[in-house]
Amino acid sequence: MAELADSVRDVVARSADLGSLSQEELRALRERGLRLENIVSYARRVVQTNLDQATLDASDVEDRIRRLAIPTPPPALARRQVEVNLSDEDIALADRELAAIAGPLLAPEDEAERQAWVERQRVAEATLSELRRSLHEALDALTDAIVERVARGEFALRVSVDEVQLPPRPPTEGTAASEQTSAPRPQE
């Protein structure tokens, strides 16, 4: 698990000394951390799925399917979809790391080998969870540093005037709302 863990440790170590980083370095480090967090989260979900499948008792399958079935129409929260955009390179990195720490994706048939495989998956999940936790702490520190510098006026915000949408001006006394002028809105 060298490449991914080393990259995460580098982001975490560099986030410990944010005062020496420029605006661009802070933003680049945060972007790198976000990319790594997506890779770690993806790998962790793969391991969690492996564990769920390996530890699911055959008698529990129907009950689990029934509990996971989404009614029509789905409740509001069930419609929320999380998209993770990973490049082919990111997926390949996650797959290499998974092979190194979790071993094969499929559990062996032999019960003794299966138990050893499940334990390896648990260790991999714990390792990935710790990497993810440390990344979250680093990302929080990076975000806080960026926000603080913006608030102090040290960083320029990169926002186009065309992206800013102003609310309509409230009517003034003696003027109807339809007579008010408001800033033009960008075309969508």
Foldseek 3Di string as FASTA:
>chain_A
DPPLLVLLVVLLVVLVPCVVDDPVRLVVSLVSLVLSLLLLVVLLVLLVVLLCVLPDDPVCVVVVCVVPDADVPGPPVVPDDDDRDDDPVSNVVSVVVCCVQQNDSHADPDPVSNVVSSVSSVVSNVVSVVSNVSSVVSSVSSVVVSVVCVVVVNDDDPDDPLVDDDDFDDDDPPDDSVPGDGDDHHDD
